[in-house]
Amino acid sequence: MDIALIRTFLTVADTGSFVNASARLFVTQSAVSLRVQRLEDNLGKVLFLRSKAGVELTAAGRAFEQYALSMIKLWEEARQQVGVPQGFTSSLIIGAQYSLWPRLGFRWLDALQAARPTLALRAEMGMPDRLTRFLIEGVVQATLTYIAQQRPGLTVVPVMEDELLLLSSFPVDDIGGIGDAYVYTDWGPEFTQAHAVSLPDMTNAGLTLKLEALGVEYIVNRRAAAYVPARSAKRHLDAGRLHLVPGAPVFPYPVWAVFRDDLPDDIRQIALETLTRVADQAEDAQDDVMQALARISEDDISRLGDD
């Protein structure tokens, strides 16, 4: 069975649309339609009901979906085992959102290599939905993400809380000194709601960035201010390229690790142990920034979730 046909079937089932599936798979819509048709011909069953609103699994499609997931899982397991480089005894594939690789994911790789030199590692990147799909299909075995989705066969573990701080590329005495230099960073619906409540006068920024921690690189080279993770910005703060804004509210943003339940116990244990150590070090660095902010803020810093 052509594995591309199976992946295409699962993507169409997940997105509910040939158009959306083609965008996710980076192929044309006609290619998606052809692959599904070939799969239906091979099985002798119609897998999707087509309509103007999209597609829906038939009874045969729902029955085949579980087998498709199992086939993808077996394929990925075989690919990983066959692909273990000479001199290594096992492998681990980790996925993470872009913002979580610098100063967390990369250091996790370092810690894993030091703790288990015979463990071959591979890194992937993606947004939460893509990472969840990779986990379900067995493309990756563990992920770091800001938005964890609990699914059968997956275990979600809290890692740490990133602290989103208001930083500027120029020194100011208080939040009122930011003015029109403010750039809104879209960290998701929870942040948007909390931001609107805490900073109602700063909801109409002329520029919005949905670039996660890349916002640091944007503001550091311009006269600008934005909410970015303390962990990602610490080196710029230490070098004097960015400045803390006294009195600005702080927004916590939890980081999660998600593991496949079928990950071998010894690899899961070493992965959790090393990730815990790396997260503790990241939190220590973050605490330094928080203490510096507390020293320059006259009042207690307001923080989402605090009473």
Protein backbone atom coordinates (compact mmCIF):
# COMPACT_ATOMS: atom_id res chain seq x y z
CA MET A 1 0.00 0.00 0.00
CA ASP A 2 1.34 3.43 -0.95
CA ILE A 3 1.92 5.28 2.34
CA ALA A 4 1.23 8.62 0.61
CA LEU A 5 -2.34 7.46 -0.04
CA ILE A 6 -2.81 6.68 3.66
CA ARG A 7 -1.42 10.06 4.75
CA THR A 8 -3.65 11.84 2.26
CA PHE A 9 -6.72 9.98 3.49
CA LEU A 10 -5.97 10.90 7.12
CA THR A 11 -5.32 14.53 6.22
CA VAL A 12 -8.61 14.83 4.34
CA ALA A 13 -10.43 13.18 7.26
CA ASP A 14 -8.78 15.58 9.71
CA THR A 15 -9.39 18.78 7.71
CA GLY A 16 -12.78 17.82 6.25
CA SER A 17 -11.80 19.31 2.91
CA PHE A 18 -9.78 18.39 -0.17
CA VAL A 19 -8.75 22.05 -0.46
CA ASN A 20 -7.45 22.26 3.11
CA ALA A 21 -5.76 18.89 2.76
CA SER A 22 -3.94 20.04 -0.37
CA ALA A 23 -2.65 23.12 1.47
CA ARG A 24 -1.44 21.04 4.38
CA LEU A 25 0.23 18.45 2.15
CA PHE A 26 1.67 21.04 -0.27
CA VAL A 27 0.16 19.32 -3.31
CA THR A 28 -2.62 20.31 -5.71
CA GLN A 29 -6.26 19.60 -5.00
CA SER A 30 -6.39 17.34 -8.04
CA ALA A 31 -3.51 15.30 -6.60
CA VAL A 32 -5.43 14.86 -3.34
CA SER A 33 -8.56 13.79 -5.24
CA LEU A 34 -6.56 11.33 -7.33
CA ARG A 35 -4.92 9.76 -4.27
CA VAL A 36 -8.26 9.34 -2.50
CA GLN A 37 -9.78 7.85 -5.64
CA ARG A 38 -6.90 5.37 -5.94
CA LEU A 39 -7.33 4.35 -2.32
CA GLU A 40 -11.08 3.91 -2.76
CA ASP A 41 -10.44 1.81 -5.89
CA ASN A 42 -7.97 -0.38 -3.98
CA LEU A 43 -10.42 -0.93 -1.13
CA GLY A 44 -13.50 -1.16 -3.29
CA LYS A 45 -15.34 1.22 -0.97
CA VAL A 46 -16.29 4.90 -0.98
CA LEU A 47 -14.50 6.55 1.94
CA PHE A 48 -15.89 10.09 1.76
CA LEU A 49 -19.24 11.70 1.06
CA ARG A 50 -18.56 14.79 -1.08
CA SER A 51 -20.64 17.96 -0.86
CA LYS A 52 -20.23 21.70 -1.40
CA ALA A 53 -19.63 22.06 2.36
CA GLY A 54 -16.68 19.66 2.27
CA VAL A 55 -16.29 15.93 2.84
CA GLU A 56 -17.45 13.53 5.52
CA LEU A 57 -16.31 10.00 6.28
CA THR A 58 -18.63 7.20 5.25
CA ALA A 59 -19.15 4.18 7.50
CA ALA A 60 -16.40 2.43 5.54
CA GLY A 61 -14.16 5.50 5.93
CA ARG A 62 -14.65 5.55 9.70
CA ALA A 63 -13.83 1.84 9.90
CA PHE A 64 -10.72 2.29 7.76
CA GLU A 65 -9.46 5.31 9.74
CA GLN A 66 -8.22 3.23 12.68
CA TYR A 67 -6.40 0.84 10.36
CA ALA A 68 -4.88 3.81 8.55
CA LEU A 69 -3.55 5.23 11.82
CA SER A 70 -2.10 1.84 12.73
CA MET A 71 -0.41 1.50 9.34
CA ILE A 72 1.16 4.97 9.63
CA LYS A 73 2.35 4.15 13.14
CA LEU A 74 3.92 0.86 12.02
CA TRP A 75 5.54 2.57 9.06
CA GLU A 76 7.07 5.28 11.24
CA GLU A 77 8.30 2.73 13.78
CA ALA A 78 9.95 0.72 11.02
CA ARG A 79 11.44 3.84 9.44
CA GLN A 80 12.86 4.99 12.78
CA GLN A 81 14.37 1.59 13.64
CA VAL A 82 15.86 1.05 10.21
CA GLY A 83 17.10 4.64 10.23
CA VAL A 84 19.04 4.39 13.52
CA PRO A 85 22.60 5.37 12.52
CA GLN A 86 25.46 2.94 12.97
CA GLY A 87 26.93 3.21 16.45
CA PHE A 88 23.61 4.20 18.04
CA THR A 89 21.23 1.86 19.85
CA SER A 90 17.95 3.79 19.68
CA SER A 91 16.40 7.03 18.47
CA LEU A 92 14.09 9.83 19.62
CA ILE A 93 12.33 12.35 17.40
CA ILE A 94 11.33 15.61 19.10
CA GLY A 95 9.10 18.31 17.67
CA ALA A 96 8.64 21.83 19.03
CA GLN A 97 7.18 25.19 18.17
CA TYR A 98 9.70 27.69 16.82
CA SER A 99 9.77 29.76 20.01
CA LEU A 100 10.56 26.74 22.14
CA TRP A 101 13.70 25.60 20.36
CA PRO A 102 16.07 28.44 21.39
CA ARG A 103 17.16 28.24 25.04
CA LEU A 104 14.92 25.23 25.77
CA GLY A 105 14.61 22.66 22.99
CA PHE A 106 18.23 22.94 21.85
CA ARG A 107 19.44 22.63 25.43
CA TRP A 108 17.22 19.57 25.84
CA LEU A 109 19.02 18.00 22.88
CA ASP A 110 22.38 18.84 24.50
CA ALA A 111 21.30 17.26 27.80
CA LEU A 112 20.01 14.14 26.06
CA GLN A 113 23.24 13.70 24.11
CA ALA A 114 25.27 14.04 27.31
CA ALA A 115 23.06 11.63 29.26
CA ARG A 116 22.63 9.02 26.50
CA PRO A 117 25.39 9.23 23.86
CA THR A 118 23.99 6.20 22.00
CA LEU A 119 20.58 7.86 21.50
CA ALA A 120 20.19 9.25 17.98
CA LEU A 121 18.13 12.45 17.94
CA ARG A 122 16.08 14.20 15.28
CA ALA A 123 14.39 17.60 15.56
CA GLU A 124 11.17 18.76 13.88
CA MET A 125 9.32 22.08 13.96
CA GLY A 126 5.67 22.97 13.62
CA MET A 127 2.61 24.68 15.02
CA PRO A 128 0.51 22.87 17.68
CA ASP A 129 -1.97 21.24 15.27
CA ARG A 130 0.81 19.95 13.05
CA LEU A 131 2.80 18.65 16.03
CA THR A 132 -0.28 16.85 17.39
CA ARG A 133 -0.84 15.22 14.00
CA PHE A 134 2.82 14.17 13.91
CA LEU A 135 2.45 12.60 17.37
CA ILE A 136 -0.68 10.68 16.41
CA GLU A 137 0.92 9.39 13.22
CA GLY A 138 4.19 8.52 14.96
CA VAL A 139 6.28 10.99 12.96
CA VAL A 140 7.53 12.40 16.27
CA GLN A 141 7.57 10.82 19.72
CA ALA A 142 7.68 13.91 21.93
CA THR A 143 6.88 17.59 21.49
CA LEU A 144 7.23 20.94 23.23
CA THR A 145 4.22 23.19 22.72
CA TYR A 146 2.27 26.08 24.16
CA ILE A 147 -1.06 24.45 23.25
CA ALA A 148 -1.30 20.80 24.27
CA GLN A 149 -4.11 18.61 22.95
CA GLN A 150 -5.00 15.58 25.03
CA ARG A 151 -5.60 12.65 22.70
CA PRO A 152 -5.74 8.86 23.23
CA GLY A 153 -2.23 7.45 23.23
CA LEU A 154 -0.62 10.74 24.29
CA THR A 155 0.47 11.98 27.72
CA VAL A 156 0.69 15.71 28.48
CA VAL A 157 3.25 16.91 31.05
CA PRO A 158 3.68 20.50 32.34
CA VAL A 159 7.20 21.82 31.76
CA MET A 160 7.36 25.46 32.87
CA GLU A 161 5.70 28.82 32.47
CA ASP A 162 7.14 31.37 30.11
CA GLU A 163 6.62 34.87 31.48
CA LEU A 164 5.50 37.29 28.78
CA LEU A 165 6.98 40.70 29.63
CA LEU A 166 6.59 44.09 27.98
CA LEU A 167 10.02 45.05 26.64
CA SER A 168 11.10 48.06 24.63
CA SER A 169 14.12 48.90 22.53
CA PHE A 170 14.42 52.24 24.34
CA PRO A 171 14.31 53.05 28.07
CA VAL A 172 11.06 54.35 29.56
CA ASP A 173 10.03 55.27 33.10
CA ASP A 174 6.63 53.57 32.89
CA ILE A 175 4.18 51.99 30.47
CA GLY A 176 2.85 55.41 29.47
CA GLY A 177 6.14 56.15 27.74
CA ILE A 178 5.58 53.48 25.09
CA GLY A 179 3.08 55.49 23.03
CA ASP A 180 2.68 54.51 19.38
CA ALA A 181 5.80 52.32 19.50
CA TYR A 182 3.69 49.47 20.88
CA VAL A 183 3.48 46.35 18.71
CA TYR A 184 0.80 43.81 19.61
CA THR A 185 2.01 40.20 19.72
CA ASP A 186 -0.72 37.60 19.26
CA TRP A 187 -0.11 34.84 21.78
CA GLY A 188 -3.55 33.27 21.44
CA PRO A 189 -7.07 33.81 22.75
CA GLU A 190 -6.27 33.60 26.47
CA PHE A 191 -3.56 36.24 26.14
CA THR A 192 -5.84 38.41 23.99
CA GLN A 193 -8.56 38.34 26.61
CA ALA A 194 -6.22 39.04 29.52
CA HIS A 195 -4.48 41.79 27.55
CA ALA A 196 -7.81 43.49 26.80
CA VAL A 197 -8.73 43.46 30.50
CA SER A 198 -5.35 44.58 31.82
CA LEU A 199 -4.41 47.01 29.05
CA PRO A 200 -7.64 48.32 27.49
CA ASP A 201 -5.90 51.43 26.15
CA MET A 202 -3.38 49.33 24.18
CA THR A 203 -5.72 47.13 22.13
CA ASN A 204 -5.55 49.17 18.92
CA ALA A 205 -1.91 48.77 17.96
CA GLY A 206 -1.24 49.55 14.32
CA LEU A 207 0.94 46.46 13.92
CA THR A 208 0.21 42.90 15.06
CA LEU A 209 2.78 40.11 15.02
CA LYS A 210 1.75 36.46 15.16
CA LEU A 211 5.36 35.39 15.19
CA GLU A 212 5.79 34.10 18.73
CA ALA A 213 9.27 34.83 20.08
CA LEU A 214 10.39 36.18 16.71
CA GLY A 215 8.86 39.41 18.01
CA VAL A 216 12.07 39.84 19.99
CA GLU A 217 14.10 40.07 16.82
CA TYR A 218 11.67 42.59 15.38
CA ILE A 219 11.60 45.07 18.26
CA VAL A 220 15.30 44.87 19.08
CA ASN A 221 16.14 46.45 15.70
CA ARG A 222 13.45 49.16 15.76
CA ARG A 223 11.97 51.76 18.04
CA ALA A 224 9.30 49.41 19.30
CA ALA A 225 7.90 47.59 22.32
CA ALA A 226 6.07 44.27 22.59
CA TYR A 227 5.25 41.35 24.87
CA VAL A 228 7.85 38.61 24.52
CA PRO A 229 9.09 35.72 26.71
CA ALA A 230 11.63 36.69 29.34
CA ARG A 231 13.55 33.50 28.51
CA SER A 232 13.98 34.51 24.87
CA ALA A 233 14.85 38.14 25.60
CA LYS A 234 17.33 37.73 28.45
CA ARG A 235 20.43 37.96 26.27
CA HIS A 236 19.17 41.21 24.75
CA LEU A 237 18.37 42.57 28.21
CA ASP A 238 21.83 41.63 29.50
CA ALA A 239 23.41 43.35 26.50
CA GLY A 240 21.31 46.50 26.96
CA ARG A 241 19.59 46.15 23.59
CA LEU A 242 16.16 45.78 25.24
CA HIS A 243 14.69 47.36 28.35
CA LEU A 244 12.11 46.31 30.92
CA VAL A 245 9.02 48.49 31.18
CA PRO A 246 8.36 49.30 34.87
CA GLY A 247 4.87 48.55 36.13
CA ALA A 248 3.71 46.63 33.05
CA PRO A 249 1.56 43.55 33.81
CA VAL A 250 3.09 40.12 33.30
CA PHE A 251 1.29 37.29 31.51
CA PRO A 252 2.22 33.65 32.23
CA TYR A 253 2.25 31.31 29.23
CA PRO A 254 2.59 27.59 30.11
CA VAL A 255 4.85 25.24 28.18
CA TRP A 256 3.86 21.58 27.83
CA ALA A 257 5.60 18.39 26.77
CA VAL A 258 3.55 15.71 25.03
CA PHE A 259 4.81 12.14 24.76
CA ARG A 260 3.54 9.13 22.86
CA ASP A 261 2.47 6.43 25.31
CA ASP A 262 4.34 3.76 23.37
CA LEU A 263 7.70 5.51 23.83
CA PRO A 264 10.06 2.96 25.46
CA ASP A 265 10.20 3.44 29.24
CA ASP A 266 13.95 3.98 29.41
CA ILE A 267 13.85 6.71 26.75
CA ARG A 268 10.82 8.36 28.35
CA GLN A 269 12.60 8.43 31.72
CA ILE A 270 15.81 10.00 30.43
CA ALA A 271 13.80 12.45 28.31
CA LEU A 272 11.77 13.61 31.33
CA GLU A 273 14.80 13.83 33.60
CA THR A 274 16.83 15.92 31.18
CA LEU A 275 13.88 18.14 30.25
CA THR A 276 13.21 18.85 33.94
CA ARG A 277 16.82 19.94 34.47
CA VAL A 278 16.81 22.16 31.39
CA ALA A 279 13.47 23.72 32.35
CA ASP A 280 14.76 24.44 35.87
CA GLN A 281 17.76 26.27 34.40
CA ALA A 282 15.49 28.26 32.07
CA GLU A 283 13.27 29.23 35.00
CA ASP A 284 16.31 30.34 36.99
CA ALA A 285 17.31 32.68 34.16
CA GLN A 286 13.73 33.88 33.89
CA ASP A 287 13.61 34.55 37.64
CA ASP A 288 16.61 36.86 37.26
CA VAL A 289 14.63 38.93 34.77
CA MET A 290 11.54 38.95 36.99
CA GLN A 291 13.58 40.13 39.96
CA ALA A 292 15.06 42.92 37.88
CA LEU A 293 11.55 43.97 36.83
CA ALA A 294 10.38 43.93 40.45
CA ARG A 295 13.26 46.19 41.48
CA ILE A 296 12.39 48.91 38.96
CA SER A 297 8.61 48.70 39.46
CA GLU A 298 7.24 50.83 42.28
CA ASP A 299 4.12 48.67 42.75
CA ASP A 300 3.72 44.92 42.84
CA ILE A 301 3.71 43.46 39.35
CA SER A 302 0.25 42.29 38.31
CA ARG A 303 0.27 38.79 36.87
CA LEU A 304 -2.54 36.89 35.11
CA GLY A 305 -3.90 34.27 37.46
CA ASP A 306 -2.70 35.93 40.67
CA ASP A 307 -5.26 37.00 43.23
